[in-house]
Amino acid sequence: MEMYDKTCLKSELAPGRNSRKMHVDALDVVTSYKDEQQHLKLAVSVTDLAGYPVFESGVELVIGSPTGTKFALLKETGPYGIAFFEIPNAERGRWEVIVFNVHHPDYSYEKSDRNNSWAITQV
């Protein structure tokens, strides 16, 4: 009597099975100032489950401003799997950034609570 289902194990370990899934690996925020105006720069890193960057992925963010206004931004990842966003003349206060969707013709997006939402607070 076997303690596991061989077909299940084989399908999970099949070459390339997990290589077509991607997820958001990180979201980094940098605040810069020019002419006394605050600018937010965001970098969203997308990788496959093995940790390799996924380029040409569409990354869609929904952003909530300190005044309650919400808007969406869409960018594509570059050769290192990073999509860069910028919010010029950003008001001071609490900003919320949600990765709404990530899409690619050859990968499926593995969404999880860990990489879905980030709250950004700027003073």
PDB file of N, CA and C in Angstrom:
ATOM      1  N   MET A   1       0.846  -1.179   0.000  1.00  0.00           N
ATOM      2  CA  MET A   1       0.000   0.000   0.000  1.00  0.00           C
ATOM      3  C   MET A   1       0.891   1.241   0.000  1.00  0.00           C
ATOM      4  N   GLU A   2       0.610   2.162  -0.928  1.00  0.00           N
ATOM      5  CA  GLU A   2       1.409   3.379  -1.025  1.00  0.00           C
ATOM      6  C   GLU A   2       0.770   4.488  -0.208  1.00  0.00           C
ATOM      7  N   MET A   3       1.621   5.369   0.323  1.00  0.00           N
ATOM      8  CA  MET A   3       1.140   6.454   1.173  1.00  0.00           C
ATOM      9  C   MET A   3       0.857   7.728   0.378  1.00  0.00           C
ATOM     10  N   TYR A   4       1.087   7.734  -0.916  1.00  0.00           N
ATOM     11  CA  TYR A   4       0.848   8.925  -1.722  1.00  0.00           C
ATOM     12  C   TYR A   4       0.422   8.526  -3.120  1.00  0.00           C
ATOM     13  N   ASP A   5      -0.158   9.452  -3.794  1.00  0.00           N
ATOM     14  CA  ASP A   5      -0.624   9.221  -5.157  1.00  0.00           C
ATOM     15  C   ASP A   5       0.501   9.600  -6.121  1.00  0.00           C
ATOM     16  N   LYS A   6       1.055   8.624  -6.800  1.00  0.00           N
ATOM     17  CA  LYS A   6       2.186   8.869  -7.702  1.00  0.00           C
ATOM     18  C   LYS A   6       1.834   9.850  -8.818  1.00  0.00           C
ATOM     19  N   THR A   7       0.630   9.791  -9.338  1.00  0.00           N
ATOM     20  CA  THR A   7       0.265  10.693 -10.428  1.00  0.00           C
ATOM     21  C   THR A   7       0.254  12.145  -9.965  1.00  0.00           C
ATOM     22  N   CYS A   8      -0.165  12.367  -8.729  1.00  0.00           N
ATOM     23  CA  CYS A   8      -0.164  13.727  -8.185  1.00  0.00           C
ATOM     24  C   CYS A   8       1.260  14.231  -8.039  1.00  0.00           C
ATOM     25  N   LEU A   9       2.125  13.400  -7.476  1.00  0.00           N
ATOM     26  CA  LEU A   9       3.521  13.787  -7.305  1.00  0.00           C
ATOM     27  C   LEU A   9       4.189  14.041  -8.655  1.00  0.00           C
ATOM     28  N   LYS A  10       3.957  13.175  -9.600  1.00  0.00           N
ATOM     29  CA  LYS A  10       4.575  13.333 -10.905  1.00  0.00           C
ATOM     30  C   LYS A  10       4.124  14.622 -11.574  1.00  0.00           C
ATOM     31  N   SER A  11       2.838  14.965 -11.447  1.00  0.00           N
ATOM     32  CA  SER A  11       2.355  16.180 -12.099  1.00  0.00           C
ATOM     33  C   SER A  11       2.931  17.423 -11.426  1.00  0.00           C
ATOM     34  N   GLU A  12       3.125  17.384 -10.125  1.00  0.00           N
ATOM     35  CA  GLU A  12       3.691  18.532  -9.430  1.00  0.00           C
ATOM     36  C   GLU A  12       5.176  18.714  -9.750  1.00  0.00           C
ATOM     37  N   LEU A  13       5.871  17.622 -10.035  1.00  0.00           N
ATOM     38  CA  LEU A  13       7.299  17.699 -10.306  1.00  0.00           C
ATOM     39  C   LEU A  13       7.633  17.722 -11.788  1.00  0.00           C
ATOM     40  N   ALA A  14       6.607  17.696 -12.611  1.00  0.00           N
ATOM     41  CA  ALA A  14       6.848  17.678 -14.057  1.00  0.00           C
ATOM     42  C   ALA A  14       7.615  18.919 -14.477  1.00  0.00           C
ATOM     43  N   PRO A  15       8.625  18.760 -15.335  1.00  0.00           N
ATOM     44  CA  PRO A  15       9.414  19.911 -15.769  1.00  0.00           C
ATOM     45  C   PRO A  15       8.521  20.960 -16.423  1.00  0.00           C
ATOM     46  N   GLY A  16       8.738  22.201 -16.020  1.00  0.00           N
ATOM     47  CA  GLY A  16       8.016  23.303 -16.620  1.00  0.00           C
ATOM     48  C   GLY A  16       6.652  23.584 -16.026  1.00  0.00           C
ATOM     49  N   ARG A  17       6.171  22.714 -15.127  1.00  0.00           N
ATOM     50  CA  ARG A  17       4.827  22.932 -14.576  1.00  0.00           C
ATOM     51  C   ARG A  17       4.753  24.240 -13.798  1.00  0.00           C
ATOM     52  N   ASN A  18       5.699  24.493 -12.920  1.00  0.00           N
ATOM     53  CA  ASN A  18       5.684  25.714 -12.124  1.00  0.00           C
ATOM     54  C   ASN A  18       6.361  26.872 -12.833  1.00  0.00           C
ATOM     55  N   SER A  19       7.053  26.601 -13.929  1.00  0.00           N
ATOM     56  CA  SER A  19       7.775  27.671 -14.607  1.00  0.00           C
ATOM     57  C   SER A  19       6.824  28.619 -15.325  1.00  0.00           C
ATOM     58  N   ARG A  20       5.564  28.273 -15.473  1.00  0.00           N
ATOM     59  CA  ARG A  20       4.602  29.130 -16.160  1.00  0.00           C
ATOM     60  C   ARG A  20       3.669  29.848 -15.187  1.00  0.00           C
ATOM     61  N   LYS A  21       4.078  29.910 -13.938  1.00  0.00           N
ATOM     62  CA  LYS A  21       3.344  30.676 -12.939  1.00  0.00           C
ATOM     63  C   LYS A  21       4.234  31.819 -12.483  1.00  0.00           C
ATOM     64  N   MET A  22       3.640  32.970 -12.243  1.00  0.00           N
ATOM     65  CA  MET A  22       4.420  34.129 -11.797  1.00  0.00           C
ATOM     66  C   MET A  22       3.723  34.781 -10.607  1.00  0.00           C
ATOM     67  N   HIS A  23       4.487  35.586  -9.881  1.00  0.00           N
ATOM     68  CA  HIS A  23       3.935  36.308  -8.743  1.00  0.00           C
ATOM     69  C   HIS A  23       4.714  37.599  -8.540  1.00  0.00           C
ATOM     70  N   VAL A  24       4.135  38.502  -7.748  1.00  0.00           N
ATOM     71  CA  VAL A  24       4.840  39.731  -7.390  1.00  0.00           C
ATOM     72  C   VAL A  24       5.818  39.386  -6.287  1.00  0.00           C
ATOM     73  N   ASP A  25       7.081  39.613  -6.557  1.00  0.00           N
ATOM     74  CA  ASP A  25       8.135  39.293  -5.601  1.00  0.00           C
ATOM     75  C   ASP A  25       8.354  40.432  -4.610  1.00  0.00           C
ATOM     76  N   ALA A  26       8.224  41.678  -5.075  1.00  0.00           N
ATOM     77  CA  ALA A  26       8.467  42.826  -4.197  1.00  0.00           C
ATOM     78  C   ALA A  26       7.847  44.078  -4.789  1.00  0.00           C
ATOM     79  N   LEU A  27       7.542  45.019  -3.901  1.00  0.00           N
ATOM     80  CA  LEU A  27       7.156  46.362  -4.307  1.00  0.00           C
ATOM     81  C   LEU A  27       8.003  47.314  -3.482  1.00  0.00           C
ATOM     82  N   ASP A  28       8.815  48.099  -4.158  1.00  0.00           N
ATOM     83  CA  ASP A  28       9.698  49.045  -3.477  1.00  0.00           C
ATOM     84  C   ASP A  28       9.243  50.458  -3.774  1.00  0.00           C
ATOM     85  N   VAL A  29       9.401  51.334  -2.775  1.00  0.00           N
ATOM     86  CA  VAL A  29       8.985  52.724  -2.907  1.00  0.00           C
ATOM     87  C   VAL A  29      10.163  53.629  -2.576  1.00  0.00           C
ATOM     88  N   VAL A  30      10.338  54.653  -3.404  1.00  0.00           N
ATOM     89  CA  VAL A  30      11.359  55.660  -3.161  1.00  0.00           C
ATOM     90  C   VAL A  30      10.675  57.014  -3.227  1.00  0.00           C
ATOM     91  N   THR A  31      10.964  57.860  -2.261  1.00  0.00           N
ATOM     92  CA  THR A  31      10.441  59.222  -2.273  1.00  0.00           C
ATOM     93  C   THR A  31      11.573  60.144  -2.679  1.00  0.00           C
ATOM     94  N   SER A  32      11.291  61.031  -3.618  1.00  0.00           N
ATOM     95  CA  SER A  32      12.289  62.022  -4.020  1.00  0.00           C
ATOM     96  C   SER A  32      11.642  63.401  -3.997  1.00  0.00           C
ATOM     97  N   TYR A  33      12.473  64.417  -3.942  1.00  0.00           N
ATOM     98  CA  TYR A  33      11.974  65.787  -3.900  1.00  0.00           C
ATOM     99  C   TYR A  33      12.669  66.603  -4.976  1.00  0.00           C
ATOM    100  N   LYS A  34      11.868  67.399  -5.689  1.00  0.00           N
ATOM    101  CA  LYS A  34      12.411  68.306  -6.682  1.00  0.00           C
ATOM    102  C   LYS A  34      11.589  69.589  -6.602  1.00  0.00           C
ATOM    103  N   ASP A  35      12.277  70.708  -6.429  1.00  0.00           N
ATOM    104  CA  ASP A  35      11.595  72.001  -6.286  1.00  0.00           C
ATOM    105  C   ASP A  35      10.535  71.949  -5.188  1.00  0.00           C
ATOM    106  N   GLU A  36      10.896  71.323  -4.074  1.00  0.00           N
ATOM    107  CA  GLU A  36      10.033  71.190  -2.899  1.00  0.00           C
ATOM    108  C   GLU A  36       8.760  70.377  -3.150  1.00  0.00           C
ATOM    109  N   GLN A  37       8.703  69.658  -4.254  1.00  0.00           N
ATOM    110  CA  GLN A  37       7.583  68.775  -4.559  1.00  0.00           C
ATOM    111  C   GLN A  37       7.996  67.331  -4.294  1.00  0.00           C
ATOM    112  N   GLN A  38       7.113  66.582  -3.662  1.00  0.00           N
ATOM    113  CA  GLN A  38       7.380  65.174  -3.364  1.00  0.00           C
ATOM    114  C   GLN A  38       6.953  64.309  -4.551  1.00  0.00           C
ATOM    115  N   HIS A  39       7.814  63.375  -4.927  1.00  0.00           N
ATOM    116  CA  HIS A  39       7.513  62.432  -5.996  1.00  0.00           C
ATOM    117  C   HIS A  39       7.668  61.022  -5.438  1.00  0.00           C
ATOM    118  N   LEU A  40       6.723  60.152  -5.760  1.00  0.00           N
ATOM    119  CA  LEU A  40       6.831  58.749  -5.355  1.00  0.00           C
ATOM    120  C   LEU A  40       7.215  57.927  -6.569  1.00  0.00           C
ATOM    121  N   LYS A  41       8.182  57.052  -6.381  1.00  0.00           N
ATOM    122  CA  LYS A  41       8.584  56.123  -7.435  1.00  0.00           C
ATOM    123  C   LYS A  41       8.390  54.719  -6.895  1.00  0.00           C
ATOM    124  N   LEU A  42       7.700  53.884  -7.677  1.00  0.00           N
ATOM    125  CA  LEU A  42       7.393  52.524  -7.264  1.00  0.00           C
ATOM    126  C   LEU A  42       8.018  51.550  -8.252  1.00  0.00           C
ATOM    127  N   ALA A  43       8.546  50.467  -7.731  1.00  0.00           N
ATOM    128  CA  ALA A  43       9.106  49.405  -8.568  1.00  0.00           C
ATOM    129  C   ALA A  43       8.456  48.090  -8.144  1.00  0.00           C
ATOM    130  N   VAL A  44       7.808  47.417  -9.093  1.00  0.00           N
ATOM    131  CA  VAL A  44       7.156  46.136  -8.831  1.00  0.00           C
ATOM    132  C   VAL A  44       7.951  45.052  -9.542  1.00  0.00           C
ATOM    133  N   SER A  45       8.432  44.093  -8.780  1.00  0.00           N
ATOM    134  CA  SER A  45       9.241  42.995  -9.315  1.00  0.00           C
ATOM    135  C   SER A  45       8.369  41.757  -9.503  1.00  0.00           C
ATOM    136  N   VAL A  46       8.405  41.197 -10.719  1.00  0.00           N
ATOM    137  CA  VAL A  46       7.617  40.007 -11.043  1.00  0.00           C
ATOM    138  C   VAL A  46       8.580  38.877 -11.399  1.00  0.00           C
ATOM    139  N   THR A  47       8.408  37.739 -10.720  1.00  0.00           N
ATOM    140  CA  THR A  47       9.257  36.581 -10.988  1.00  0.00           C
ATOM    141  C   THR A  47       8.396  35.335 -11.173  1.00  0.00           C
ATOM    142  N   ASP A  48       9.016  34.297 -11.771  1.00  0.00           N
ATOM    143  CA  ASP A  48       8.328  33.017 -11.805  1.00  0.00           C
ATOM    144  C   ASP A  48       8.574  32.328 -10.469  1.00  0.00           C
ATOM    145  N   LEU A  49       8.006  31.156 -10.270  1.00  0.00           N
ATOM    146  CA  LEU A  49       8.119  30.495  -8.965  1.00  0.00           C
ATOM    147  C   LEU A  49       9.528  30.023  -8.655  1.00  0.00           C
ATOM    148  N   ALA A  50      10.381  29.960  -9.677  1.00  0.00           N
ATOM    149  CA  ALA A  50      11.785  29.595  -9.448  1.00  0.00           C
ATOM    150  C   ALA A  50      12.624  30.827  -9.117  1.00  0.00           C
ATOM    151  N   GLY A  51      12.018  32.022  -9.184  1.00  0.00           N
ATOM    152  CA  GLY A  51      12.734  33.241  -8.842  1.00  0.00           C
ATOM    153  C   GLY A  51      13.327  33.986 -10.025  1.00  0.00           C
ATOM    154  N   TYR A  52      13.046  33.527 -11.240  1.00  0.00           N
ATOM    155  CA  TYR A  52      13.576  34.203 -12.428  1.00  0.00           C
ATOM    156  C   TYR A  52      12.644  35.343 -12.843  1.00  0.00           C
ATOM    157  N   PRO A  53      13.216  36.476 -13.289  1.00  0.00           N
ATOM    158  CA  PRO A  53      12.368  37.600 -13.689  1.00  0.00           C
ATOM    159  C   PRO A  53      11.498  37.270 -14.890  1.00  0.00           C
ATOM    160  N   VAL A  54      10.289  37.813 -14.889  1.00  0.00           N
ATOM    161  CA  VAL A  54       9.362  37.644 -16.007  1.00  0.00           C
ATOM    162  C   VAL A  54       9.233  39.010 -16.682  1.00  0.00           C
ATOM    163  N   PHE A  55       9.773  39.134 -17.891  1.00  0.00           N
ATOM    164  CA  PHE A  55       9.698  40.409 -18.593  1.00  0.00           C
ATOM    165  C   PHE A  55       8.493  40.443 -19.515  1.00  0.00           C
ATOM    166  N   GLU A  56       8.113  41.656 -19.882  1.00  0.00           N
ATOM    167  CA  GLU A  56       6.943  41.913 -20.724  1.00  0.00           C
ATOM    168  C   GLU A  56       5.637  41.467 -20.058  1.00  0.00           C
ATOM    169  N   SER A  57       5.580  41.613 -18.735  1.00  0.00           N
ATOM    170  CA  SER A  57       4.339  41.363 -17.992  1.00  0.00           C
ATOM    171  C   SER A  57       3.652  42.701 -17.762  1.00  0.00           C
ATOM    172  N   GLY A  58       2.351  42.737 -17.952  1.00  0.00           N
ATOM    173  CA  GLY A  58       1.592  43.943 -17.632  1.00  0.00           C
ATOM    174  C   GLY A  58       1.271  43.951 -16.151  1.00  0.00           C
ATOM    175  N   VAL A  59       1.591  45.056 -15.472  1.00  0.00           N
ATOM    176  CA  VAL A  59       1.329  45.192 -14.040  1.00  0.00           C
ATOM    177  C   VAL A  59       0.358  46.354 -13.864  1.00  0.00           C
ATOM    178  N   GLU A  60      -0.786  46.070 -13.250  1.00  0.00           N
ATOM    179  CA  GLU A  60      -1.784  47.101 -13.025  1.00  0.00           C
ATOM    180  C   GLU A  60      -1.916  47.386 -11.536  1.00  0.00           C
ATOM    181  N   LEU A  61      -1.735  48.661 -11.174  1.00  0.00           N
ATOM    182  CA  LEU A  61      -1.867  49.095  -9.786  1.00  0.00           C
ATOM    183  C   LEU A  61      -3.133  49.923  -9.633  1.00  0.00           C
ATOM    184  N   VAL A  62      -3.778  49.787  -8.489  1.00  0.00           N
ATOM    185  CA  VAL A  62      -4.832  50.708  -8.081  1.00  0.00           C
ATOM    186  C   VAL A  62      -4.262  51.467  -6.894  1.00  0.00           C
ATOM    187  N   ILE A  63      -4.302  52.796  -6.988  1.00  0.00           N
ATOM    188  CA  ILE A  63      -3.653  53.636  -5.992  1.00  0.00           C
ATOM    189  C   ILE A  63      -4.690  54.539  -5.340  1.00  0.00           C
ATOM    190  N   GLY A  64      -4.648  54.581  -4.015  1.00  0.00           N
ATOM    191  CA  GLY A  64      -5.512  55.471  -3.241  1.00  0.00           C
ATOM    192  C   GLY A  64      -4.672  56.578  -2.648  1.00  0.00           C
ATOM    193  N   SER A  65      -5.083  57.828  -2.899  1.00  0.00           N
ATOM    194  CA  SER A  65      -4.330  58.987  -2.414  1.00  0.00           C
ATOM    195  C   SER A  65      -4.809  59.389  -1.024  1.00  0.00           C
ATOM    196  N   PRO A  66      -4.077  60.281  -0.360  1.00  0.00           N
ATOM    197  CA  PRO A  66      -4.492  60.744   0.973  1.00  0.00           C
ATOM    198  C   PRO A  66      -5.855  61.440   0.970  1.00  0.00           C
ATOM    199  N   THR A  67      -6.286  61.979  -0.170  1.00  0.00           N
ATOM    200  CA  THR A  67      -7.578  62.665  -0.245  1.00  0.00           C
ATOM    201  C   THR A  67      -8.731  61.707  -0.544  1.00  0.00           C
ATOM    202  N   GLY A  68      -8.425  60.418  -0.778  1.00  0.00           N
ATOM    203  CA  GLY A  68      -9.455  59.432  -1.070  1.00  0.00           C
ATOM    204  C   GLY A  68      -9.648  59.169  -2.551  1.00  0.00           C
ATOM    205  N   THR A  69      -8.969  59.915  -3.399  1.00  0.00           N
ATOM    206  CA  THR A  69      -9.042  59.689  -4.837  1.00  0.00           C
ATOM    207  C   THR A  69      -8.349  58.383  -5.188  1.00  0.00           C
ATOM    208  N   LYS A  70      -8.976  57.600  -6.075  1.00  0.00           N
ATOM    209  CA  LYS A  70      -8.367  56.349  -6.527  1.00  0.00           C
ATOM    210  C   LYS A  70      -8.155  56.418  -8.031  1.00  0.00           C
ATOM    211  N   PHE A  71      -7.048  55.836  -8.469  1.00  0.00           N
ATOM    212  CA  PHE A  71      -6.760  55.785  -9.900  1.00  0.00           C
ATOM    213  C   PHE A  71      -5.908  54.562 -10.184  1.00  0.00           C
ATOM    214  N   ALA A  72      -5.854  54.188 -11.461  1.00  0.00           N
ATOM    215  CA  ALA A  72      -5.095  52.996 -11.870  1.00  0.00           C
ATOM    216  C   ALA A  72      -3.922  53.401 -12.751  1.00  0.00           C
ATOM    217  N   LEU A  73      -2.849  52.637 -12.651  1.00  0.00           N
ATOM    218  CA  LEU A  73      -1.678  52.799 -13.504  1.00  0.00           C
ATOM    219  C   LEU A  73      -1.314  51.438 -14.076  1.00  0.00           C
ATOM    220  N   LEU A  74      -0.882  51.411 -15.326  1.00  0.00           N
ATOM    221  CA  LEU A  74      -0.486  50.168 -15.986  1.00  0.00           C
ATOM    222  C   LEU A  74       0.875  50.363 -16.636  1.00  0.00           C
ATOM    223  N   LYS A  75       1.806  49.473 -16.328  1.00  0.00           N
ATOM    224  CA  LYS A  75       3.147  49.486 -16.918  1.00  0.00           C
ATOM    225  C   LYS A  75       3.546  48.056 -17.241  1.00  0.00           C
ATOM    226  N   GLU A  76       4.599  47.928 -18.034  1.00  0.00           N
ATOM    227  CA  GLU A  76       5.109  46.620 -18.420  1.00  0.00           C
ATOM    228  C   GLU A  76       6.486  46.398 -17.789  1.00  0.00           C
ATOM    229  N   THR A  77       6.756  45.161 -17.392  1.00  0.00           N
ATOM    230  CA  THR A  77       8.065  44.851 -16.824  1.00  0.00           C
ATOM    231  C   THR A  77       9.129  44.855 -17.917  1.00  0.00           C
ATOM    232  N   GLY A  78      10.320  45.264 -17.527  1.00  0.00           N
ATOM    233  CA  GLY A  78      11.451  45.285 -18.441  1.00  0.00           C
ATOM    234  C   GLY A  78      12.219  43.975 -18.395  1.00  0.00           C
ATOM    235  N   PRO A  79      13.441  43.971 -18.925  1.00  0.00           N
ATOM    236  CA  PRO A  79      14.218  42.732 -19.014  1.00  0.00           C
ATOM    237  C   PRO A  79      14.596  42.116 -17.663  1.00  0.00           C
ATOM    238  N   TYR A  80      14.546  42.908 -16.585  1.00  0.00           N
ATOM    239  CA  TYR A  80      14.864  42.371 -15.260  1.00  0.00           C
ATOM    240  C   TYR A  80      13.601  42.064 -14.455  1.00  0.00           C
ATOM    241  N   GLY A  81      12.436  42.079 -15.126  1.00  0.00           N
ATOM    242  CA  GLY A  81      11.184  41.734 -14.466  1.00  0.00           C
ATOM    243  C   GLY A  81      10.635  42.818 -13.558  1.00  0.00           C
ATOM    244  N   ILE A  82      11.019  44.080 -13.798  1.00  0.00           N
ATOM    245  CA  ILE A  82      10.589  45.178 -12.934  1.00  0.00           C
ATOM    246  C   ILE A  82       9.786  46.192 -13.739  1.00  0.00           C
ATOM    247  N   ALA A  83       8.624  46.557 -13.206  1.00  0.00           N
ATOM    248  CA  ALA A  83       7.808  47.629 -13.780  1.00  0.00           C
ATOM    249  C   ALA A  83       7.988  48.863 -12.902  1.00  0.00           C
ATOM    250  N   PHE A  84       8.276  49.997 -13.527  1.00  0.00           N
ATOM    251  CA  PHE A  84       8.509  51.244 -12.802  1.00  0.00           C
ATOM    252  C   PHE A  84       7.323  52.189 -12.978  1.00  0.00           C
ATOM    253  N   PHE A  85       6.884  52.761 -11.859  1.00  0.00           N
ATOM    254  CA  PHE A  85       5.771  53.709 -11.840  1.00  0.00           C
ATOM    255  C   PHE A  85       6.239  54.987 -11.149  1.00  0.00           C
ATOM    256  N   GLU A  86       5.636  56.112 -11.511  1.00  0.00           N
ATOM    257  CA  GLU A  86       5.970  57.368 -10.843  1.00  0.00           C
ATOM    258  C   GLU A  86       4.700  58.172 -10.604  1.00  0.00           C
ATOM    259  N   ILE A  87       4.622  58.744  -9.405  1.00  0.00           N
ATOM    260  CA  ILE A  87       3.532  59.651  -9.053  1.00  0.00           C
ATOM    261  C   ILE A  87       4.179  61.000  -8.769  1.00  0.00           C
ATOM    262  N   PRO A  88       4.137  61.897  -9.736  1.00  0.00           N
ATOM    263  CA  PRO A  88       4.751  63.212  -9.517  1.00  0.00           C
ATOM    264  C   PRO A  88       3.866  64.092  -8.641  1.00  0.00           C
ATOM    265  N   ASN A  89       4.488  65.032  -7.960  1.00  0.00           N
ATOM    266  CA  ASN A  89       3.768  65.992  -7.110  1.00  0.00           C
ATOM    267  C   ASN A  89       2.807  65.301  -6.151  1.00  0.00           C
ATOM    268  N   ALA A  90       3.293  64.267  -5.484  1.00  0.00           N
ATOM    269  CA  ALA A  90       2.468  63.467  -4.569  1.00  0.00           C
ATOM    270  C   ALA A  90       2.200  64.240  -3.278  1.00  0.00           C
ATOM    271  N   GLU A  91       0.949  64.242  -2.881  1.00  0.00           N
ATOM    272  CA  GLU A  91       0.576  64.890  -1.630  1.00  0.00           C
ATOM    273  C   GLU A  91       1.149  64.097  -0.463  1.00  0.00           C
ATOM    274  N   ARG A  92       1.411  64.796   0.620  1.00  0.00           N
ATOM    275  CA  ARG A  92       1.874  64.110   1.829  1.00  0.00           C
ATOM    276  C   ARG A  92       0.678  63.452   2.505  1.00  0.00           C
ATOM    277  N   GLY A  93       0.923  62.288   3.109  1.00  0.00           N
ATOM    278  CA  GLY A  93      -0.142  61.551   3.772  1.00  0.00           C
ATOM    279  C   GLY A  93      -0.059  60.074   3.459  1.00  0.00           C
ATOM    280  N   ARG A  94      -1.139  59.374   3.715  1.00  0.00           N
ATOM    281  CA  ARG A  94      -1.168  57.915   3.532  1.00  0.00           C
ATOM    282  C   ARG A  94      -1.593  57.566   2.117  1.00  0.00           C
ATOM    283  N   TRP A  95      -0.746  56.827   1.430  1.00  0.00           N
ATOM    284  CA  TRP A  95      -1.028  56.307   0.091  1.00  0.00           C
ATOM    285  C   TRP A  95      -1.202  54.804   0.206  1.00  0.00           C
ATOM    286  N   GLU A  96      -2.172  54.258  -0.506  1.00  0.00           N
ATOM    287  CA  GLU A  96      -2.351  52.807  -0.536  1.00  0.00           C
ATOM    288  C   GLU A  96      -2.156  52.334  -1.973  1.00  0.00           C
ATOM    289  N   VAL A  97      -1.325  51.308  -2.106  1.00  0.00           N
ATOM    290  CA  VAL A  97      -1.045  50.740  -3.425  1.00  0.00           C
ATOM    291  C   VAL A  97      -1.484  49.284  -3.418  1.00  0.00           C
ATOM    292  N   ILE A  98      -2.315  48.918  -4.394  1.00  0.00           N
ATOM    293  CA  ILE A  98      -2.765  47.537  -4.530  1.00  0.00           C
ATOM    294  C   ILE A  98      -2.358  47.032  -5.910  1.00  0.00           C
ATOM    295  N   VAL A  99      -1.683  45.895  -5.930  1.00  0.00           N
ATOM    296  CA  VAL A  99      -1.400  45.246  -7.211  1.00  0.00           C
ATOM    297  C   VAL A  99      -2.701  44.569  -7.613  1.00  0.00           C
ATOM    298  N   PHE A 100      -3.393  45.187  -8.565  1.00  0.00           N
ATOM    299  CA  PHE A 100      -4.711  44.722  -8.965  1.00  0.00           C
ATOM    300  C   PHE A 100      -4.619  43.506  -9.873  1.00  0.00           C
ATOM    301  N   ASN A 101      -3.659  43.538 -10.808  1.00  0.00           N
ATOM    302  CA  ASN A 101      -3.528  42.418 -11.736  1.00  0.00           C
ATOM    303  C   ASN A 101      -2.129  42.399 -12.336  1.00  0.00           C
ATOM    304  N   VAL A 102      -1.691  41.208 -12.701  1.00  0.00           N
ATOM    305  CA  VAL A 102      -0.456  41.012 -13.452  1.00  0.00           C
ATOM    306  C   VAL A 102      -0.814  40.037 -14.564  1.00  0.00           C
ATOM    307  N   HIS A 103      -0.478  40.391 -15.797  1.00  0.00           N
ATOM    308  CA  HIS A 103      -0.852  39.500 -16.897  1.00  0.00           C
ATOM    309  C   HIS A 103       0.311  39.322 -17.866  1.00  0.00           C
ATOM    310  N   HIS A 104       0.343  38.156 -18.454  1.00  0.00           N
ATOM    311  CA  HIS A 104       1.364  37.775 -19.432  1.00  0.00           C
ATOM    312  C   HIS A 104       0.755  36.661 -20.280  1.00  0.00           C
ATOM    313  N   PRO A 105       1.013  36.665 -21.592  1.00  0.00           N
ATOM    314  CA  PRO A 105       0.383  35.630 -22.432  1.00  0.00           C
ATOM    315  C   PRO A 105       0.849  34.204 -22.136  1.00  0.00           C
ATOM    316  N   ASP A 106       2.044  34.043 -21.559  1.00  0.00           N
ATOM    317  CA  ASP A 106       2.584  32.705 -21.335  1.00  0.00           C
ATOM    318  C   ASP A 106       2.613  32.269 -19.868  1.00  0.00           C
ATOM    319  N   TYR A 107       2.184  33.143 -18.945  1.00  0.00           N
ATOM    320  CA  TYR A 107       2.244  32.836 -17.512  1.00  0.00           C
ATOM    321  C   TYR A 107       0.887  33.070 -16.871  1.00  0.00           C
ATOM    322  N   SER A 108       0.635  32.355 -15.786  1.00  0.00           N
ATOM    323  CA  SER A 108      -0.558  32.633 -14.986  1.00  0.00           C
ATOM    324  C   SER A 108      -0.101  33.316 -13.701  1.00  0.00           C
ATOM    325  N   TYR A 109      -0.902  34.236 -13.237  1.00  0.00           N
ATOM    326  CA  TYR A 109      -0.581  35.039 -12.050  1.00  0.00           C
ATOM    327  C   TYR A 109      -1.018  34.326 -10.787  1.00  0.00           C
ATOM    328  N   GLU A 110      -0.080  34.075  -9.904  1.00  0.00           N
ATOM    329  CA  GLU A 110      -0.353  33.445  -8.611  1.00  0.00           C
ATOM    330  C   GLU A 110      -0.541  34.560  -7.581  1.00  0.00           C
ATOM    331  N   LYS A 111      -1.782  34.895  -7.304  1.00  0.00           N
ATOM    332  CA  LYS A 111      -2.094  35.971  -6.376  1.00  0.00           C
ATOM    333  C   LYS A 111      -2.154  35.421  -4.957  1.00  0.00           C
ATOM    334  N   SER A 112      -1.585  36.152  -4.017  1.00  0.00           N
ATOM    335  CA  SER A 112      -1.675  35.735  -2.612  1.00  0.00           C
ATOM    336  C   SER A 112      -1.858  36.976  -1.754  1.00  0.00           C
ATOM    337  N   ASP A 113      -2.293  36.780  -0.523  1.00  0.00           N
ATOM    338  CA  ASP A 113      -2.472  37.904   0.395  1.00  0.00           C
ATOM    339  C   ASP A 113      -1.146  38.608   0.666  1.00  0.00           C
ATOM    340  N   ARG A 114      -0.053  37.851   0.645  1.00  0.00           N
ATOM    341  CA  ARG A 114       1.259  38.415   0.955  1.00  0.00           C
ATOM    342  C   ARG A 114       1.677  39.469  -0.060  1.00  0.00           C
ATOM    343  N   ASN A 115       1.320  39.268  -1.318  1.00  0.00           N
ATOM    344  CA  ASN A 115       1.794  40.214  -2.326  1.00  0.00           C
ATOM    345  C   ASN A 115       0.670  40.993  -2.987  1.00  0.00           C
ATOM    346  N   ASN A 116      -0.460  41.089  -2.343  1.00  0.00           N
ATOM    347  CA  ASN A 116      -1.588  41.778  -2.965  1.00  0.00           C
ATOM    348  C   ASN A 116      -1.624  43.267  -2.640  1.00  0.00           C
ATOM    349  N   SER A 117      -1.386  43.663  -1.402  1.00  0.00           N
ATOM    350  CA  SER A 117      -1.604  45.053  -1.020  1.00  0.00           C
ATOM    351  C   SER A 117      -0.496  45.564  -0.108  1.00  0.00           C
ATOM    352  N   TRP A 118      -0.152  46.791  -0.337  1.00  0.00           N
ATOM    353  CA  TRP A 118       0.818  47.456   0.519  1.00  0.00           C
ATOM    354  C   TRP A 118       0.274  48.822   0.880  1.00  0.00           C
ATOM    355  N   ALA A 119       0.442  49.243   2.109  1.00  0.00           N
ATOM    356  CA  ALA A 119       0.085  50.600   2.503  1.00  0.00           C
ATOM    357  C   ALA A 119       1.376  51.395   2.608  1.00  0.00           C
ATOM    358  N   ILE A 120       1.376  52.547   1.987  1.00  0.00           N
ATOM    359  CA  ILE A 120       2.554  53.398   1.988  1.00  0.00           C
ATOM    360  C   ILE A 120       2.215  54.671   2.717  1.00  0.00           C
ATOM    361  N   THR A 121       2.979  55.001   3.725  1.00  0.00           N
ATOM    362  CA  THR A 121       2.747  56.232   4.467  1.00  0.00           C
ATOM    363  C   THR A 121       3.908  57.185   4.226  1.00  0.00           C
ATOM    364  N   GLN A 122       3.578  58.363   3.761  1.00  0.00           N
ATOM    365  CA  GLN A 122       4.570  59.406   3.531  1.00  0.00           C
ATOM    366  C   GLN A 122       4.235  60.574   4.453  1.00  0.00           C
ATOM    367  N   VAL A 123       5.245  61.178   5.023  1.00  0.00           N
ATOM    368  CA  VAL A 123       5.039  62.302   5.942  1.00  0.00           C
ATOM    369  C   VAL A 123       5.104  63.610   5.187  1.00  0.00           C
TER     370      VAL A 123
END
